[in-house]
Amino acid sequence: MSPFNPTHVSHKQVEAYPIAAAEFQADGSGKVGVNHPEHGYLVVPVPAGFLRRPGAVTEGDMLVRYAPTAEEPHGYLSHSPRAVFEAGYAAIGGQAEPASGAKRLSMADIQSVIVSENYHRVPGSTFMVCFLTLRNGFIVTGESACADPDAYDRATGEKYARANAVEKICTLEGYLLRERLADEAAAARGQHDAVQVA
């Protein structure tokens, strides 16, 4: 090849989220775990052919979803190394960051409440259970299973069982945050009313 001489610049708008975990089948299909800024940890199924080079997806890469088309009504899914993606795309209107004053949960918030983790594989099966103990003593469980016993890998089973447990923590922490915000709003209204009466 001759020296690099750019001829095109991207103008596409895409959705993109950091990849936290990934598991693939021989045909390149599988599941990709991403950190979503609003919904926390999500597991996204990807179609056959998504992974074209074994080992190509690593933690920190970006899962990229292109705009839906007639051929791809849900949007074409791809992945990009983080540095390559950041060199080619900028966040639209700062959407990568929470709005000023917005209160939402981050993955760091979720991870901060976990104090220990344990795993148990049901004997004679591919069924794995993850036990995450939270700082208040509550235990959240997550599960995973591999359909093909010959393809079972303990580390992968633990990873997806933990991801399943983390999803449940997101729901619990989301409820607690909403409760706090509702209490703060009620207190603010009460204080405002008191000032008006005075």
Protein backbone atom coordinates (compact mmCIF):
# COMPACT_ATOMS: atom_id res chain seq x y z
CA MET A 1 0.00 0.00 0.00
CA SER A 2 1.08 3.57 -0.62
CA PRO A 3 1.38 6.04 2.30
CA PHE A 4 -1.96 6.72 3.97
CA ASN A 5 -3.85 9.44 2.12
CA PRO A 6 -7.39 10.01 3.51
CA THR A 7 -10.10 10.35 0.88
CA HIS A 8 -13.29 10.30 3.03
CA VAL A 9 -14.48 11.55 6.42
CA SER A 10 -17.33 9.99 8.42
CA HIS A 11 -20.62 11.85 8.80
CA LYS A 12 -22.61 8.97 10.31
CA GLN A 13 -24.51 9.18 13.56
CA VAL A 14 -24.30 6.04 15.69
CA GLU A 15 -25.07 4.70 19.14
CA ALA A 16 -21.99 3.43 20.97
CA TYR A 17 -21.38 1.99 24.42
CA PRO A 18 -18.26 0.66 26.19
CA ILE A 19 -17.99 -3.14 26.15
CA ALA A 20 -17.55 -4.73 29.58
CA ALA A 21 -17.76 -8.43 28.62
CA ALA A 22 -18.36 -10.63 25.59
CA GLU A 23 -19.02 -14.28 24.76
CA PHE A 24 -19.19 -15.76 21.26
CA GLN A 25 -20.12 -18.96 19.47
CA ALA A 26 -18.24 -20.52 16.56
CA ASP A 27 -20.42 -18.67 14.01
CA GLY A 28 -19.50 -15.30 15.49
CA SER A 29 -22.84 -14.76 17.23
CA GLY A 30 -23.01 -14.24 20.95
CA LYS A 31 -23.68 -11.77 23.75
CA VAL A 32 -21.96 -8.47 24.50
CA GLY A 33 -22.27 -6.77 27.88
CA VAL A 34 -22.17 -2.97 27.71
CA ASN A 35 -22.28 -0.10 30.19
CA HIS A 36 -25.25 2.08 29.26
CA PRO A 37 -25.30 5.61 30.76
CA GLU A 38 -29.00 5.41 31.65
CA HIS A 39 -29.82 1.73 32.06
CA GLY A 40 -26.60 0.45 33.65
CA TYR A 41 -25.25 -2.92 32.55
CA LEU A 42 -27.03 -4.42 29.53
CA VAL A 43 -26.48 -7.72 27.71
CA VAL A 44 -26.93 -7.31 23.95
CA PRO A 45 -27.34 -10.38 21.69
CA VAL A 46 -25.32 -10.06 18.48
CA PRO A 47 -25.94 -11.98 15.24
CA ALA A 48 -23.81 -14.57 13.45
CA GLY A 49 -20.80 -12.98 11.79
CA PHE A 50 -20.48 -10.19 14.36
CA LEU A 51 -17.11 -11.58 15.45
CA ARG A 52 -15.03 -12.18 12.34
CA ARG A 53 -11.64 -12.48 14.05
CA PRO A 54 -11.33 -14.66 17.19
CA GLY A 55 -10.35 -12.61 20.21
CA ALA A 56 -10.98 -9.33 18.39
CA VAL A 57 -13.33 -7.87 21.04
CA THR A 58 -11.74 -6.76 24.30
CA GLU A 59 -13.02 -4.91 27.35
CA GLY A 60 -13.11 -1.19 26.69
CA ASP A 61 -13.88 -1.52 22.97
CA MET A 62 -17.10 0.08 21.75
CA LEU A 63 -20.28 -1.68 20.65
CA VAL A 64 -21.55 0.42 17.74
CA ARG A 65 -25.12 0.45 16.44
CA TYR A 66 -25.79 2.12 13.09
CA ALA A 67 -29.11 3.70 12.09
CA PRO A 68 -31.86 1.22 11.09
CA THR A 69 -32.32 0.52 7.38
CA ALA A 70 -34.70 -1.62 5.33
CA GLU A 71 -32.13 -4.44 5.36
CA GLU A 72 -31.25 -3.96 9.07
CA PRO A 73 -34.49 -2.77 10.75
CA HIS A 74 -32.91 -2.84 14.23
CA GLY A 75 -29.64 -1.23 13.14
CA TYR A 76 -26.41 -2.93 12.11
CA LEU A 77 -24.18 -3.88 15.06
CA SER A 78 -20.41 -3.66 14.94
CA HIS A 79 -17.51 -3.09 17.27
CA SER A 80 -14.56 -0.75 17.24
CA PRO A 81 -11.39 -0.48 19.31
CA ARG A 82 -11.86 2.43 21.73
CA ALA A 83 -9.03 4.61 20.39
CA VAL A 84 -10.15 4.15 16.78
CA PHE A 85 -13.74 5.02 17.68
CA GLU A 86 -12.85 8.12 19.70
CA ALA A 87 -10.62 9.35 16.87
CA GLY A 88 -13.54 9.17 14.45
CA TYR A 89 -16.59 10.16 16.52
CA ALA A 90 -17.56 12.87 18.99
CA ALA A 91 -20.52 12.73 21.40
CA ILE A 92 -23.66 14.47 20.12
CA GLY A 93 -24.49 17.43 22.34
CA GLY A 94 -22.41 16.01 25.17
CA GLN A 95 -24.75 13.04 25.59
CA ALA A 96 -21.91 10.95 26.93
CA GLU A 97 -22.07 13.01 30.13
CA PRO A 98 -25.08 13.44 32.42
CA ALA A 99 -26.98 16.70 32.06
CA SER A 100 -25.96 19.40 34.53
CA GLY A 101 -27.42 18.58 37.92
CA ALA A 102 -28.86 15.24 36.72
CA LYS A 103 -28.88 12.42 39.25
CA ARG A 104 -28.36 8.98 37.80
CA LEU A 105 -26.51 5.80 38.62
CA SER A 106 -23.16 4.99 37.06
CA MET A 107 -21.53 1.58 36.85
CA ALA A 108 -19.03 2.86 39.45
CA ASP A 109 -21.97 3.50 41.82
CA ILE A 110 -23.20 -0.06 41.32
CA GLN A 111 -19.78 -1.64 41.79
CA SER A 112 -19.18 0.40 44.95
CA VAL A 113 -21.96 -1.37 46.87
CA ILE A 114 -20.48 -4.85 46.24
CA VAL A 115 -18.20 -6.05 49.04
CA SER A 116 -17.67 -9.71 48.12
CA GLU A 117 -18.54 -12.33 45.51
CA ASN A 118 -18.77 -16.11 45.50
CA TYR A 119 -19.63 -18.66 42.83
CA HIS A 120 -21.18 -22.12 42.83
CA ARG A 121 -21.52 -24.49 39.88
CA VAL A 122 -24.34 -27.00 40.23
CA PRO A 123 -22.57 -30.39 40.11
CA GLY A 124 -22.92 -32.23 36.83
CA SER A 125 -24.26 -29.21 34.98
CA THR A 126 -23.18 -25.97 33.29
CA PHE A 127 -25.39 -23.92 35.64
CA MET A 128 -23.41 -21.28 37.54
CA VAL A 129 -24.68 -19.10 40.38
CA CYS A 130 -22.98 -15.89 41.50
CA PHE A 131 -23.56 -14.51 45.00
CA LEU A 132 -22.80 -10.81 45.42
CA THR A 133 -22.83 -9.52 48.98
CA LEU A 134 -23.68 -5.83 49.26
CA ARG A 135 -22.33 -3.47 51.90
CA ASN A 136 -25.61 -3.59 53.84
CA GLY A 137 -25.38 -7.39 54.06
CA PHE A 138 -28.00 -8.15 51.41
CA ILE A 139 -27.07 -10.91 48.93
CA VAL A 140 -28.00 -10.73 45.26
CA THR A 141 -27.74 -13.80 43.04
CA GLY A 142 -27.13 -14.11 39.32
CA GLU A 143 -27.23 -17.18 37.08
CA SER A 144 -25.79 -18.40 33.80
CA ALA A 145 -25.81 -21.66 31.86
CA CYS A 146 -24.12 -22.99 28.75
CA ALA A 147 -26.32 -24.93 26.30
CA ASP A 148 -23.42 -27.08 25.05
CA PRO A 149 -21.56 -28.88 27.87
CA ASP A 150 -18.55 -29.36 25.58
CA ALA A 151 -18.24 -25.60 25.19
CA TYR A 152 -18.48 -24.88 28.94
CA ASP A 153 -15.85 -22.55 30.39
CA ARG A 154 -15.96 -21.79 34.12
CA ALA A 155 -14.55 -18.26 33.82
CA THR A 156 -17.13 -17.35 31.18
CA GLY A 157 -19.91 -18.86 33.28
CA GLU A 158 -18.82 -16.79 36.28
CA LYS A 159 -18.60 -13.62 34.16
CA TYR A 160 -22.17 -13.91 32.88
CA ALA A 161 -23.59 -15.03 36.22
CA ARG A 162 -22.02 -11.93 37.78
CA ALA A 163 -23.38 -9.73 35.00
CA ASN A 164 -26.85 -11.12 35.67
CA ALA A 165 -26.50 -10.31 39.38
CA VAL A 166 -25.26 -6.80 38.59
CA GLU A 167 -28.37 -6.19 36.44
CA LYS A 168 -30.49 -6.98 39.51
CA ILE A 169 -28.45 -4.58 41.64
CA CYS A 170 -29.08 -1.87 39.04
CA THR A 171 -32.82 -2.34 39.55
CA LEU A 172 -32.50 -2.20 43.35
CA GLU A 173 -30.23 0.85 43.34
CA GLY A 174 -32.44 2.56 40.77
CA TYR A 175 -35.42 2.11 43.10
CA LEU A 176 -33.47 3.53 46.05
CA LEU A 177 -32.34 6.53 44.02
CA ARG A 178 -35.90 7.22 42.87
CA GLU A 179 -37.09 6.96 46.48
CA ARG A 180 -34.47 9.48 47.63
CA LEU A 181 -35.34 11.89 44.83
CA ALA A 182 -39.05 11.62 45.65
CA ASP A 183 -38.35 12.30 49.34
CA GLU A 184 -36.18 15.31 48.45
CA ALA A 185 -38.89 16.68 46.15
CA ALA A 186 -41.56 16.22 48.83
CA ALA A 187 -39.36 17.93 51.42
CA ALA A 188 -38.67 20.82 49.05
CA ARG A 189 -42.39 21.29 48.39
CA GLY A 190 -43.13 21.26 52.11
CA GLN A 191 -40.45 23.83 52.82
CA HIS A 192 -41.67 26.01 49.93
CA ASP A 193 -45.26 25.82 51.20
CA ALA A 194 -44.11 26.78 54.71
CA VAL A 195 -42.32 29.83 53.34
CA GLN A 196 -45.41 30.84 51.36
CA VAL A 197 -47.66 30.51 54.45
CA ALA A 198 -45.24 32.55 56.55
